[in-house]
PDB file of N, CA and C in Angstrom:
ATOM      1  N   MET A   1       0.599  -1.597  -0.051  1.00  0.00           N
ATOM      2  CA  MET A   1       0.462   0.241  -0.163  1.00  0.00           C
ATOM      3  C   MET A   1       0.702   1.123   0.039  1.00  0.00           C
ATOM      4  N   VAL A   2       0.826   2.095  -0.934  1.00  0.00           N
ATOM      5  CA  VAL A   2       1.350   3.676  -0.661  1.00  0.00           C
ATOM      6  C   VAL A   2       0.237   4.724  -0.364  1.00  0.00           C
ATOM      7  N   ILE A   3       0.881   5.307  -0.198  1.00  0.00           N
ATOM      8  CA  ILE A   3       0.421   6.447   0.088  1.00  0.00           C
ATOM      9  C   ILE A   3       1.095   7.761   0.074  1.00  0.00           C
ATOM     10  N   VAL A   4       0.472   8.766  -0.842  1.00  0.00           N
ATOM     11  CA  VAL A   4       0.856   9.780  -0.644  1.00  0.00           C
ATOM     12  C   VAL A   4       0.591  10.642   0.144  1.00  0.00           C
ATOM     13  N   VAL A   5       1.464  11.815   0.843  1.00  0.00           N
ATOM     14  CA  VAL A   5       0.863  13.063   2.262  1.00  0.00           C
ATOM     15  C   VAL A   5       2.148  13.971   1.511  1.00  0.00           C
ATOM     16  N   GLU A   6       1.299  14.865   1.968  1.00  0.00           N
ATOM     17  CA  GLU A   6       2.493  16.294   1.615  1.00  0.00           C
ATOM     18  C   GLU A   6       3.022  16.848   3.379  1.00  0.00           C
ATOM     19  N   ARG A   7       4.629  16.567   2.903  1.00  0.00           N
ATOM     20  CA  ARG A   7       5.181  17.141   3.610  1.00  0.00           C
ATOM     21  C   ARG A   7       4.907  16.841   5.143  1.00  0.00           C
ATOM     22  N   ARG A   8       5.168  15.254   5.811  1.00  0.00           N
ATOM     23  CA  ARG A   8       3.758  14.786   6.947  1.00  0.00           C
ATOM     24  C   ARG A   8       5.702  15.607   7.481  1.00  0.00           C
ATOM     25  N   THR A   9       4.775  15.658   9.037  1.00  0.00           N
ATOM     26  CA  THR A   9       6.398  15.377  10.501  1.00  0.00           C
ATOM     27  C   THR A   9       6.389  13.922  10.958  1.00  0.00           C
ATOM     28  N   CYS A  10       7.045  13.868  11.517  1.00  0.00           N
ATOM     29  CA  CYS A  10       7.040  12.718  11.935  1.00  0.00           C
ATOM     30  C   CYS A  10       5.448  12.212  12.883  1.00  0.00           C
ATOM     31  N   ARG A  11       5.304  12.901  13.490  1.00  0.00           N
ATOM     32  CA  ARG A  11       4.243  12.833  14.422  1.00  0.00           C
ATOM     33  C   ARG A  11       2.865  12.638  13.372  1.00  0.00           C
ATOM     34  N   GLY A  12       2.966  13.246  12.087  1.00  0.00           N
ATOM     35  CA  GLY A  12       1.669  13.436  11.107  1.00  0.00           C
ATOM     36  C   GLY A  12       1.889  12.145  10.390  1.00  0.00           C
ATOM     37  N   VAL A  13       3.071  11.643  10.046  1.00  0.00           N
ATOM     38  CA  VAL A  13       3.226  10.125   9.627  1.00  0.00           C
ATOM     39  C   VAL A  13       2.150   9.152  10.905  1.00  0.00           C
ATOM     40  N   GLU A  14       3.165   8.506  12.185  1.00  0.00           N
ATOM     41  CA  GLU A  14       2.725   8.539  13.397  1.00  0.00           C
ATOM     42  C   GLU A  14       1.265   8.081  13.352  1.00  0.00           C
ATOM     43  N   GLU A  15       0.855   9.435  13.265  1.00  0.00           N
ATOM     44  CA  GLU A  15      -1.208  10.197  13.739  1.00  0.00           C
ATOM     45  C   GLU A  15      -1.698   9.325  12.165  1.00  0.00           C
ATOM     46  N   LEU A  16      -1.291   9.186  10.965  1.00  0.00           N
ATOM     47  CA  LEU A  16      -1.632   8.863  10.046  1.00  0.00           C
ATOM     48  C   LEU A  16      -1.400   7.079  10.074  1.00  0.00           C
ATOM     49  N   VAL A  17      -0.495   6.733  10.452  1.00  0.00           N
ATOM     50  CA  VAL A  17      -0.066   5.001  10.429  1.00  0.00           C
ATOM     51  C   VAL A  17      -1.622   4.582  11.402  1.00  0.00           C
ATOM     52  N   ALA A  18      -1.933   5.192  12.384  1.00  0.00           N
ATOM     53  CA  ALA A  18      -2.573   4.528  13.318  1.00  0.00           C
ATOM     54  C   ALA A  18      -3.528   5.011  13.123  1.00  0.00           C
ATOM     55  N   GLN A  19      -4.048   5.932  12.163  1.00  0.00           N
ATOM     56  CA  GLN A  19      -5.081   5.224  11.698  1.00  0.00           C
ATOM     57  C   GLN A  19      -6.167   5.085  10.824  1.00  0.00           C
ATOM     58  N   LEU A  20      -4.771   4.835   9.786  1.00  0.00           N
ATOM     59  CA  LEU A  20      -4.416   3.188   8.940  1.00  0.00           C
ATOM     60  C   LEU A  20      -5.368   1.981   9.977  1.00  0.00           C
ATOM     61  N   LEU A  21      -4.475   2.136  11.198  1.00  0.00           N
ATOM     62  CA  LEU A  21      -4.149   1.108  11.077  1.00  0.00           C
ATOM     63  C   LEU A  21      -5.187   0.044  11.969  1.00  0.00           C
ATOM     64  N   ARG A  22      -6.258   1.099  12.702  1.00  0.00           N
ATOM     65  CA  ARG A  22      -7.629   1.079  13.015  1.00  0.00           C
ATOM     66  C   ARG A  22      -8.724   0.621  12.247  1.00  0.00           C
ATOM     67  N   ARG A  23      -8.711   1.497  11.479  1.00  0.00           N
ATOM     68  CA  ARG A  23      -9.211   2.062  10.241  1.00  0.00           C
ATOM     69  C   ARG A  23      -9.761   0.771   9.088  1.00  0.00           C
ATOM     70  N   LEU A  24      -8.549   0.948   8.644  1.00  0.00           N
ATOM     71  CA  LEU A  24      -8.117  -0.123   7.337  1.00  0.00           C
ATOM     72  C   LEU A  24      -7.494  -1.576   7.572  1.00  0.00           C
ATOM     73  N   LEU A  25      -6.590  -1.506   7.981  1.00  0.00           N
ATOM     74  CA  LEU A  25      -5.139  -2.552   7.961  1.00  0.00           C
ATOM     75  C   LEU A  25      -5.654  -3.947   8.955  1.00  0.00           C
ATOM     76  N   ILE A  26      -5.740  -3.168  10.200  1.00  0.00           N
ATOM     77  CA  ILE A  26      -6.223  -4.643  10.921  1.00  0.00           C
ATOM     78  C   ILE A  26      -8.239  -5.202  10.702  1.00  0.00           C
ATOM     79  N   PRO A  27      -8.553  -4.768  10.068  1.00  0.00           N
ATOM     80  CA  PRO A  27      -9.753  -4.680   9.989  1.00  0.00           C
ATOM     81  C   PRO A  27      -9.974  -5.599   8.184  1.00  0.00           C
ATOM     82  N   GLY A  28      -8.836  -6.177   6.895  1.00  0.00           N
ATOM     83  CA  GLY A  28      -8.182  -5.709   5.759  1.00  0.00           C
ATOM     84  C   GLY A  28      -7.621  -7.219   6.362  1.00  0.00           C
ATOM     85  N   TRP A  29      -6.757  -7.347   7.226  1.00  0.00           N
ATOM     86  CA  TRP A  29      -5.710  -8.326   8.480  1.00  0.00           C
ATOM     87  C   TRP A  29      -7.169  -9.903   8.504  1.00  0.00           C
ATOM     88  N   LEU A  30      -7.670  -9.072   9.384  1.00  0.00           N
ATOM     89  CA  LEU A  30      -9.028  -9.805  10.056  1.00  0.00           C
ATOM     90  C   LEU A  30      -9.782 -10.817   9.482  1.00  0.00           C
ATOM     91  N   PHE A  31      -9.673 -10.529   7.954  1.00  0.00           N
ATOM     92  CA  PHE A  31     -10.812 -10.918   7.220  1.00  0.00           C
ATOM     93  C   PHE A  31      -9.876 -11.293   5.845  1.00  0.00           C
ATOM     94  N   GLY A  32      -8.121 -10.970   5.964  1.00  0.00           N
ATOM     95  CA  GLY A  32      -7.995 -12.411   4.461  1.00  0.00           C
ATOM     96  C   GLY A  32      -6.766 -11.810   3.640  1.00  0.00           C
ATOM     97  N   ALA A  33      -6.863  -9.628   4.252  1.00  0.00           N
ATOM     98  CA  ALA A  33      -6.078  -8.981   2.833  1.00  0.00           C
ATOM     99  C   ALA A  33      -4.707  -9.725   3.466  1.00  0.00           C
ATOM    100  N   ALA A  34      -3.470  -9.442   2.644  1.00  0.00           N
ATOM    101  CA  ALA A  34      -2.226  -9.738   2.770  1.00  0.00           C
ATOM    102  C   ALA A  34      -1.569  -8.857   2.940  1.00  0.00           C
ATOM    103  N   VAL A  35      -0.513  -9.073   4.768  1.00  0.00           N
ATOM    104  CA  VAL A  35       0.027  -8.253   5.178  1.00  0.00           C
ATOM    105  C   VAL A  35       0.957  -7.515   3.959  1.00  0.00           C
ATOM    106  N   THR A  36       0.700  -5.918   3.951  1.00  0.00           N
ATOM    107  CA  THR A  36       2.179  -5.872   3.097  1.00  0.00           C
ATOM    108  C   THR A  36       2.849  -4.735   3.194  1.00  0.00           C
ATOM    109  N   PRO A  37       4.161  -4.205   2.637  1.00  0.00           N
ATOM    110  CA  PRO A  37       4.618  -2.750   3.270  1.00  0.00           C
ATOM    111  C   PRO A  37       3.484  -1.983   3.203  1.00  0.00           C
ATOM    112  N   LEU A  38       4.019  -0.943   4.124  1.00  0.00           N
ATOM    113  CA  LEU A  38       3.105   0.174   4.213  1.00  0.00           C
ATOM    114  C   LEU A  38       4.222   1.731   3.773  1.00  0.00           C
ATOM    115  N   THR A  39       3.896   2.141   2.686  1.00  0.00           N
ATOM    116  CA  THR A  39       5.007   2.906   1.471  1.00  0.00           C
ATOM    117  C   THR A  39       4.179   4.008   2.392  1.00  0.00           C
ATOM    118  N   MET A  40       4.730   5.133   3.032  1.00  0.00           N
ATOM    119  CA  MET A  40       3.527   7.464   2.635  1.00  0.00           C
ATOM    120  C   MET A  40       4.925   7.764   2.030  1.00  0.00           C
ATOM    121  N   ARG A  41       4.022   8.495   0.961  1.00  0.00           N
ATOM    122  CA  ARG A  41       5.328   9.589   0.142  1.00  0.00           C
ATOM    123  C   ARG A  41       5.360  10.845   1.267  1.00  0.00           C
ATOM    124  N   LEU A  42       6.110  11.269   1.274  1.00  0.00           N
ATOM    125  CA  LEU A  42       6.837  12.599   2.756  1.00  0.00           C
ATOM    126  C   LEU A  42       6.056  13.954   1.946  1.00  0.00           C
ATOM    127  N   GLY A  43       5.992  13.933   0.095  1.00  0.00           N
ATOM    128  CA  GLY A  43       5.713  15.470  -0.597  1.00  0.00           C
ATOM    129  C   GLY A  43       7.205  15.357  -0.180  1.00  0.00           C
ATOM    130  N   SER A  44       7.766  16.253  -1.228  1.00  0.00           N
ATOM    131  CA  SER A  44       9.178  17.451  -1.545  1.00  0.00           C
ATOM    132  C   SER A  44       9.102  18.505  -1.927  1.00  0.00           C
ATOM    133  N   PRO A  45       9.411  19.211  -1.279  1.00  0.00           N
ATOM    134  CA  PRO A  45       9.273  20.552  -1.871  1.00  0.00           C
ATOM    135  C   PRO A  45      10.740  21.307  -3.196  1.00  0.00           C
ATOM    136  N   SER A  46      10.215  22.294  -3.427  1.00  0.00           N
ATOM    137  CA  SER A  46      10.199  22.573  -4.866  1.00  0.00           C
ATOM    138  C   SER A  46      11.482  23.483  -4.576  1.00  0.00           C
ATOM    139  N   GLU A  47      12.566  24.158  -5.308  1.00  0.00           N
ATOM    140  CA  GLU A  47      13.711  25.135  -4.453  1.00  0.00           C
ATOM    141  C   GLU A  47      13.189  26.204  -3.936  1.00  0.00           C
ATOM    142  N   ALA A  48      11.529  27.023  -4.839  1.00  0.00           N
ATOM    143  CA  ALA A  48      11.412  28.076  -4.401  1.00  0.00           C
ATOM    144  C   ALA A  48      10.845  27.653  -2.818  1.00  0.00           C
ATOM    145  N   VAL A  49      10.627  26.910  -2.519  1.00  0.00           N
ATOM    146  CA  VAL A  49       9.888  26.638  -1.097  1.00  0.00           C
ATOM    147  C   VAL A  49      11.061  26.270  -0.071  1.00  0.00           C
ATOM    148  N   VAL A  50      11.856  25.295  -0.744  1.00  0.00           N
ATOM    149  CA  VAL A  50      13.667  25.228   0.006  1.00  0.00           C
ATOM    150  C   VAL A  50      13.656  26.883   0.665  1.00  0.00           C
ATOM    151  N   ALA A  51      13.624  27.798  -1.251  1.00  0.00           N
ATOM    152  CA  ALA A  51      14.664  29.437  -0.886  1.00  0.00           C
ATOM    153  C   ALA A  51      13.595  30.185   0.435  1.00  0.00           C
ATOM    154  N   ALA A  52      12.515  29.811   0.358  1.00  0.00           N
ATOM    155  CA  ALA A  52      11.703  30.905   1.399  1.00  0.00           C
ATOM    156  C   ALA A  52      11.582  30.538   2.183  1.00  0.00           C
ATOM    157  N   HIS A  53      11.711  29.665   2.689  1.00  0.00           N
ATOM    158  CA  HIS A  53      11.289  28.433   3.939  1.00  0.00           C
ATOM    159  C   HIS A  53      12.174  27.543   4.217  1.00  0.00           C
ATOM    160  N   ARG A  54      13.779  28.002   4.429  1.00  0.00           N
ATOM    161  CA  ARG A  54      14.845  27.494   5.063  1.00  0.00           C
ATOM    162  C   ARG A  54      14.898  26.646   5.848  1.00  0.00           C
ATOM    163  N   SER A  55      14.379  27.873   7.195  1.00  0.00           N
ATOM    164  CA  SER A  55      14.679  26.804   8.251  1.00  0.00           C
ATOM    165  C   SER A  55      13.315  26.143   8.928  1.00  0.00           C
ATOM    166  N   THR A  56      12.860  26.740   8.016  1.00  0.00           N
ATOM    167  CA  THR A  56      11.418  24.913   8.770  1.00  0.00           C
ATOM    168  C   THR A  56      11.408  24.023   7.575  1.00  0.00           C
ATOM    169  N   VAL A  57      12.239  23.739   6.358  1.00  0.00           N
ATOM    170  CA  VAL A  57      12.618  22.950   5.498  1.00  0.00           C
ATOM    171  C   VAL A  57      13.721  22.394   6.747  1.00  0.00           C
ATOM    172  N   GLU A  58      14.733  22.815   6.788  1.00  0.00           N
ATOM    173  CA  GLU A  58      15.770  21.795   7.319  1.00  0.00           C
ATOM    174  C   GLU A  58      15.892  21.526   8.661  1.00  0.00           C
ATOM    175  N   ALA A  59      14.729  22.183   9.500  1.00  0.00           N
ATOM    176  CA  ALA A  59      13.520  21.358  10.444  1.00  0.00           C
ATOM    177  C   ALA A  59      13.307  20.181  10.492  1.00  0.00           C
ATOM    178  N   TRP A  60      12.653  19.827   9.386  1.00  0.00           N
ATOM    179  CA  TRP A  60      11.813  19.136   8.836  1.00  0.00           C
ATOM    180  C   TRP A  60      12.302  18.115   8.498  1.00  0.00           C
ATOM    181  N   VAL A  61      14.008  18.159   7.396  1.00  0.00           N
ATOM    182  CA  VAL A  61      14.684  17.629   7.157  1.00  0.00           C
ATOM    183  C   VAL A  61      15.523  16.058   8.643  1.00  0.00           C
ATOM    184  N   TRP A  62      15.586  17.050   9.558  1.00  0.00           N
ATOM    185  CA  TRP A  62      16.406  17.203  10.461  1.00  0.00           C
ATOM    186  C   TRP A  62      15.593  16.104  11.731  1.00  0.00           C
ATOM    187  N   ALA A  63      14.959  16.101  11.708  1.00  0.00           N
ATOM    188  CA  ALA A  63      13.542  15.441  12.240  1.00  0.00           C
ATOM    189  C   ALA A  63      13.949  14.778  11.553  1.00  0.00           C
ATOM    190  N   TRP A  64      14.081  14.042  10.323  1.00  0.00           N
ATOM    191  CA  TRP A  64      13.594  13.160   9.400  1.00  0.00           C
ATOM    192  C   TRP A  64      14.762  11.928   8.968  1.00  0.00           C
ATOM    193  N   GLN A  65      15.889  12.697  10.123  1.00  0.00           N
ATOM    194  CA  GLN A  65      17.608  12.668   9.822  1.00  0.00           C
ATOM    195  C   GLN A  65      17.102  11.403  11.222  1.00  0.00           C
ATOM    196  N   GLY A  66      16.620  11.800  11.758  1.00  0.00           N
ATOM    197  CA  GLY A  66      16.426  11.653  13.355  1.00  0.00           C
ATOM    198  C   GLY A  66      15.006  10.327  13.672  1.00  0.00           C
ATOM    199  N   SER A  67      14.333  10.154  12.631  1.00  0.00           N
ATOM    200  CA  SER A  67      13.658   9.360  12.972  1.00  0.00           C
ATOM    201  C   SER A  67      14.115   7.694  12.717  1.00  0.00           C
ATOM    202  N   SER A  68      13.479   6.692  13.912  1.00  0.00           N
ATOM    203  CA  SER A  68      14.308   5.642  13.884  1.00  0.00           C
ATOM    204  C   SER A  68      13.068   4.860  12.541  1.00  0.00           C
ATOM    205  N   LEU A  69      12.715   4.989  11.649  1.00  0.00           N
ATOM    206  CA  LEU A  69      11.642   4.547  10.458  1.00  0.00           C
ATOM    207  C   LEU A  69      12.682   4.169   9.203  1.00  0.00           C
ATOM    208  N   ASP A  70      12.321   3.540   8.500  1.00  0.00           N
ATOM    209  CA  ASP A  70      13.091   3.402   6.880  1.00  0.00           C
ATOM    210  C   ASP A  70      12.642   4.314   6.077  1.00  0.00           C
ATOM    211  N   VAL A  71      13.482   4.895   6.065  1.00  0.00           N
ATOM    212  CA  VAL A  71      12.876   6.859   4.901  1.00  0.00           C
ATOM    213  C   VAL A  71      14.359   6.444   3.815  1.00  0.00           C
ATOM    214  N   ARG A  72      13.717   6.889   2.628  1.00  0.00           N
ATOM    215  CA  ARG A  72      14.161   6.680   1.590  1.00  0.00           C
ATOM    216  C   ARG A  72      14.222   8.503   1.563  1.00  0.00           C
ATOM    217  N   TRP A  73      15.757   8.630   1.033  1.00  0.00           N
ATOM    218  CA  TRP A  73      16.566   9.804   0.393  1.00  0.00           C
ATOM    219  C   TRP A  73      16.668   9.627  -0.836  1.00  0.00           C
ATOM    220  N   GLU A  74      16.217  11.232  -1.676  1.00  0.00           N
ATOM    221  CA  GLU A  74      16.634  11.699  -2.323  1.00  0.00           C
ATOM    222  C   GLU A  74      17.555  12.658  -3.012  1.00  0.00           C
ATOM    223  N   GLU A  75      19.086  12.234  -3.736  1.00  0.00           N
ATOM    224  CA  GLU A  75      19.320  14.367  -3.994  1.00  0.00           C
ATOM    225  C   GLU A  75      18.682  14.472  -5.140  1.00  0.00           C
ATOM    226  N   ARG A  76      18.996  16.266  -4.469  1.00  0.00           N
ATOM    227  CA  ARG A  76      18.119  16.807  -5.570  1.00  0.00           C
ATOM    228  C   ARG A  76      19.070  18.326  -5.489  1.00  0.00           C
ATOM    229  N   GLN A  77      19.520  18.792  -6.783  1.00  0.00           N
ATOM    230  CA  GLN A  77      20.716  19.661  -6.790  1.00  0.00           C
ATOM    231  C   GLN A  77      20.037  21.142  -8.059  1.00  0.00           C
ATOM    232  N   TRP A  78      19.735  21.928  -7.272  1.00  0.00           N
ATOM    233  CA  TRP A  78      19.180  22.912  -7.184  1.00  0.00           C
ATOM    234  C   TRP A  78      20.107  24.540  -7.425  1.00  0.00           C
ATOM    235  N   PRO A  79      20.367  24.708  -8.909  1.00  0.00           N
ATOM    236  CA  PRO A  79      21.009  26.051  -9.405  1.00  0.00           C
ATOM    237  C   PRO A  79      20.991  27.207  -7.996  1.00  0.00           C
ATOM    238  N   SER A  80      20.284  27.194  -7.438  1.00  0.00           N
ATOM    239  CA  SER A  80      20.841  28.869  -6.020  1.00  0.00           C
ATOM    240  C   SER A  80      21.179  27.741  -5.317  1.00  0.00           C
ATOM    241  N   LEU A  81      20.881  26.300  -4.623  1.00  0.00           N
ATOM    242  CA  LEU A  81      20.265  26.250  -3.297  1.00  0.00           C
ATOM    243  C   LEU A  81      21.950  24.357  -3.208  1.00  0.00           C
ATOM    244  N   GLY A  82      22.328  24.517  -4.564  1.00  0.00           N
ATOM    245  CA  GLY A  82      23.195  23.509  -4.888  1.00  0.00           C
ATOM    246  C   GLY A  82      22.973  22.322  -4.449  1.00  0.00           C
ATOM    247  N   ARG A  83      23.276  21.161  -3.615  1.00  0.00           N
ATOM    248  CA  ARG A  83      22.960  19.979  -3.430  1.00  0.00           C
ATOM    249  C   ARG A  83      22.334  19.766  -1.913  1.00  0.00           C
ATOM    250  N   GLN A  84      21.078  19.028  -2.715  1.00  0.00           N
ATOM    251  CA  GLN A  84      20.291  18.987  -1.015  1.00  0.00           C
ATOM    252  C   GLN A  84      19.546  16.830  -0.833  1.00  0.00           C
ATOM    253  N   LEU A  85      20.104  17.150   0.058  1.00  0.00           N
ATOM    254  CA  LEU A  85      19.467  15.145  -0.226  1.00  0.00           C
ATOM    255  C   LEU A  85      18.167  15.884   1.366  1.00  0.00           C
ATOM    256  N   LEU A  86      16.845  15.508   0.549  1.00  0.00           N
ATOM    257  CA  LEU A  86      15.569  15.545   1.120  1.00  0.00           C
ATOM    258  C   LEU A  86      14.845  13.828   1.537  1.00  0.00           C
ATOM    259  N   PRO A  87      13.966  13.577   2.468  1.00  0.00           N
ATOM    260  CA  PRO A  87      12.850  12.225   2.701  1.00  0.00           C
ATOM    261  C   PRO A  87      11.898  12.169   1.550  1.00  0.00           C
ATOM    262  N   VAL A  88      11.628  11.174   1.355  1.00  0.00           N
ATOM    263  CA  VAL A  88      10.701  11.276  -0.168  1.00  0.00           C
ATOM    264  C   VAL A  88       9.649  10.180   0.289  1.00  0.00           C
ATOM    265  N   SER A  89      10.196   9.076   1.693  1.00  0.00           N
ATOM    266  CA  SER A  89       8.909   8.488   2.170  1.00  0.00           C
ATOM    267  C   SER A  89       9.425   7.525   2.389  1.00  0.00           C
ATOM    268  N   VAL A  90       8.514   6.902   3.576  1.00  0.00           N
ATOM    269  CA  VAL A  90       8.951   5.871   4.482  1.00  0.00           C
ATOM    270  C   VAL A  90       8.388   4.418   5.030  1.00  0.00           C
ATOM    271  N   THR A  91       8.583   3.762   5.699  1.00  0.00           N
ATOM    272  CA  THR A  91       8.181   2.551   4.905  1.00  0.00           C
ATOM    273  C   THR A  91       7.982   1.751   6.311  1.00  0.00           C
ATOM    274  N   LEU A  92       7.346   1.039   5.927  1.00  0.00           N
ATOM    275  CA  LEU A  92       7.208   0.053   7.367  1.00  0.00           C
ATOM    276  C   LEU A  92       6.626  -1.325   7.418  1.00  0.00           C
ATOM    277  N   GLU A  93       7.235  -2.321   6.904  1.00  0.00           N
ATOM    278  CA  GLU A  93       7.359  -3.952   6.178  1.00  0.00           C
ATOM    279  C   GLU A  93       6.712  -4.694   7.640  1.00  0.00           C
ATOM    280  N   GLY A  94       5.819  -5.183   7.546  1.00  0.00           N
ATOM    281  CA  GLY A  94       4.950  -5.928   7.673  1.00  0.00           C
ATOM    282  C   GLY A  94       3.708  -5.735   9.604  1.00  0.00           C
ATOM    283  N   ALA A  95       3.119  -6.228   9.666  1.00  0.00           N
ATOM    284  CA  ALA A  95       1.514  -5.791  10.358  1.00  0.00           C
ATOM    285  C   ALA A  95       2.759  -5.895  12.107  1.00  0.00           C
ATOM    286  N   GLU A  96       3.960  -6.738  12.324  1.00  0.00           N
ATOM    287  CA  GLU A  96       4.332  -6.196  13.476  1.00  0.00           C
ATOM    288  C   GLU A  96       5.394  -4.702  13.672  1.00  0.00           C
ATOM    289  N   ALA A  97       6.103  -5.012  12.413  1.00  0.00           N
ATOM    290  CA  ALA A  97       6.551  -3.851  12.813  1.00  0.00           C
ATOM    291  C   ALA A  97       5.711  -2.142  12.503  1.00  0.00           C
ATOM    292  N   ILE A  98       5.005  -1.867  11.820  1.00  0.00           N
ATOM    293  CA  ILE A  98       3.636  -0.999  12.488  1.00  0.00           C
ATOM    294  C   ILE A  98       3.381  -0.780  13.322  1.00  0.00           C
ATOM    295  N   ALA A  99       2.842  -2.637  13.916  1.00  0.00           N
ATOM    296  CA  ALA A  99       2.095  -2.253  15.650  1.00  0.00           C
ATOM    297  C   ALA A  99       3.394  -1.507  15.774  1.00  0.00           C
ATOM    298  N   GLU A 100       4.160  -2.224  16.347  1.00  0.00           N
ATOM    299  CA  GLU A 100       5.366  -1.413  17.730  1.00  0.00           C
ATOM    300  C   GLU A 100       5.983  -1.179  17.701  1.00  0.00           C
ATOM    301  N   HIS A 101       5.989  -0.157  15.903  1.00  0.00           N
ATOM    302  CA  HIS A 101       6.169   1.988  15.922  1.00  0.00           C
ATOM    303  C   HIS A 101       5.321   1.867  16.561  1.00  0.00           C
ATOM    304  N   LEU A 102       3.988   1.687  16.166  1.00  0.00           N
ATOM    305  CA  LEU A 102       3.191   2.352  17.157  1.00  0.00           C
ATOM    306  C   LEU A 102       2.973   2.426  18.615  1.00  0.00           C
ATOM    307  N   GLY A 103       3.998   1.402  19.013  1.00  0.00           N
ATOM    308  CA  GLY A 103       4.004   1.081  20.335  1.00  0.00           C
ATOM    309  C   GLY A 103       3.066   0.220  20.718  1.00  0.00           C
ATOM    310  N   LEU A 104       2.275  -0.739  19.649  1.00  0.00           N
ATOM    311  CA  LEU A 104       0.976  -1.999  20.381  1.00  0.00           C
ATOM    312  C   LEU A 104       2.008  -2.195  20.573  1.00  0.00           C
ATOM    313  N   ARG A 105       2.317  -2.940  22.139  1.00  0.00           N
ATOM    314  CA  ARG A 105       3.261  -4.122  21.961  1.00  0.00           C
ATOM    315  C   ARG A 105       2.105  -5.346  23.143  1.00  0.00           C
ATOM    316  N   ASP A 106       0.511  -4.853  23.007  1.00  0.00           N
ATOM    317  CA  ASP A 106       0.346  -5.889  23.477  1.00  0.00           C
ATOM    318  C   ASP A 106       0.133  -7.023  23.186  1.00  0.00           C
ATOM    319  N   ARG A 107       0.679  -7.969  24.487  1.00  0.00           N
ATOM    320  CA  ARG A 107       0.980  -9.751  23.576  1.00  0.00           C
ATOM    321  C   ARG A 107       0.049 -10.436  22.893  1.00  0.00           C
ATOM    322  N   GLU A 108      -1.640 -10.218  23.340  1.00  0.00           N
ATOM    323  CA  GLU A 108      -2.681 -10.874  21.978  1.00  0.00           C
ATOM    324  C   GLU A 108      -3.421  -9.819  21.256  1.00  0.00           C
ATOM    325  N   LEU A 109      -2.092  -8.914  20.874  1.00  0.00           N
ATOM    326  CA  LEU A 109      -2.160  -7.770  19.487  1.00  0.00           C
ATOM    327  C   LEU A 109      -0.864  -8.324  18.879  1.00  0.00           C
ATOM    328  N   LEU A 110       0.464  -8.591  19.338  1.00  0.00           N
ATOM    329  CA  LEU A 110       1.090  -9.753  18.771  1.00  0.00           C
ATOM    330  C   LEU A 110       1.312 -10.657  18.076  1.00  0.00           C
ATOM    331  N   ARG A 111       0.289 -11.431  18.701  1.00  0.00           N
ATOM    332  CA  ARG A 111      -0.219 -12.692  19.247  1.00  0.00           C
ATOM    333  C   ARG A 111      -0.729 -12.864  17.738  1.00  0.00           C
ATOM    334  N   ALA A 112      -2.049 -12.323  17.834  1.00  0.00           N
ATOM    335  CA  ALA A 112      -3.084 -11.975  16.263  1.00  0.00           C
ATOM    336  C   ALA A 112      -1.999 -11.906  15.310  1.00  0.00           C
ATOM    337  N   ILE A 113      -1.568 -10.671  15.416  1.00  0.00           N
ATOM    338  CA  ILE A 113      -0.448 -10.486  13.907  1.00  0.00           C
ATOM    339  C   ILE A 113       0.175 -11.285  13.715  1.00  0.00           C
ATOM    340  N   ALA A 114       0.931 -12.138  14.424  1.00  0.00           N
ATOM    341  CA  ALA A 114       2.427 -13.363  14.237  1.00  0.00           C
ATOM    342  C   ALA A 114       1.347 -14.761  13.158  1.00  0.00           C
ATOM    343  N   ILE A 115      -0.343 -14.944  13.914  1.00  0.00           N
ATOM    344  CA  ILE A 115      -0.819 -15.667  13.098  1.00  0.00           C
ATOM    345  C   ILE A 115      -1.017 -15.110  11.742  1.00  0.00           C
ATOM    346  N   LEU A 116      -1.197 -13.964  11.133  1.00  0.00           N
ATOM    347  CA  LEU A 116      -1.702 -12.818  10.405  1.00  0.00           C
ATOM    348  C   LEU A 116      -0.802 -13.228   9.131  1.00  0.00           C
ATOM    349  N   ASP A 117       0.407 -12.571   9.334  1.00  0.00           N
ATOM    350  CA  ASP A 117       1.994 -12.211   9.160  1.00  0.00           C
ATOM    351  C   ASP A 117       2.833 -13.790  10.058  1.00  0.00           C
ATOM    352  N   PRO A 118       2.966 -14.288   9.361  1.00  0.00           N
ATOM    353  CA  PRO A 118       4.068 -15.600   9.868  1.00  0.00           C
ATOM    354  C   PRO A 118       5.169 -15.620   9.882  1.00  0.00           C
ATOM    355  N   HIS A 119       5.416 -14.528   8.631  1.00  0.00           N
ATOM    356  CA  HIS A 119       7.383 -14.002   7.881  1.00  0.00           C
ATOM    357  C   HIS A 119       7.946 -13.465   9.420  1.00  0.00           C
TER     358      HIS A 119
END
């Protein structure tokens, strides 16, 4: 499953994953849907946005650098700003990783996830 979000913060992604887990993923898993990686595209600011809001974009990038999530980065080469490395997506692999990232460590939930996602 791939979800596109605009310049999400680490906390915003956590909240979105929690909503998806409760509303879509767990009910789907319980009715036999495959447990697939959850990838969220973060949206990428343009050169003009970075130039106009440099400190905000820098704080956003630093927050993703400190994230424990699997963040994919891409290099941008802009005439006025030079080389920039920006976060472009976050991936959570499997039900257990999604649940653990959200702090859902309840034994019963993890047992159910192990049944649904035996890998």
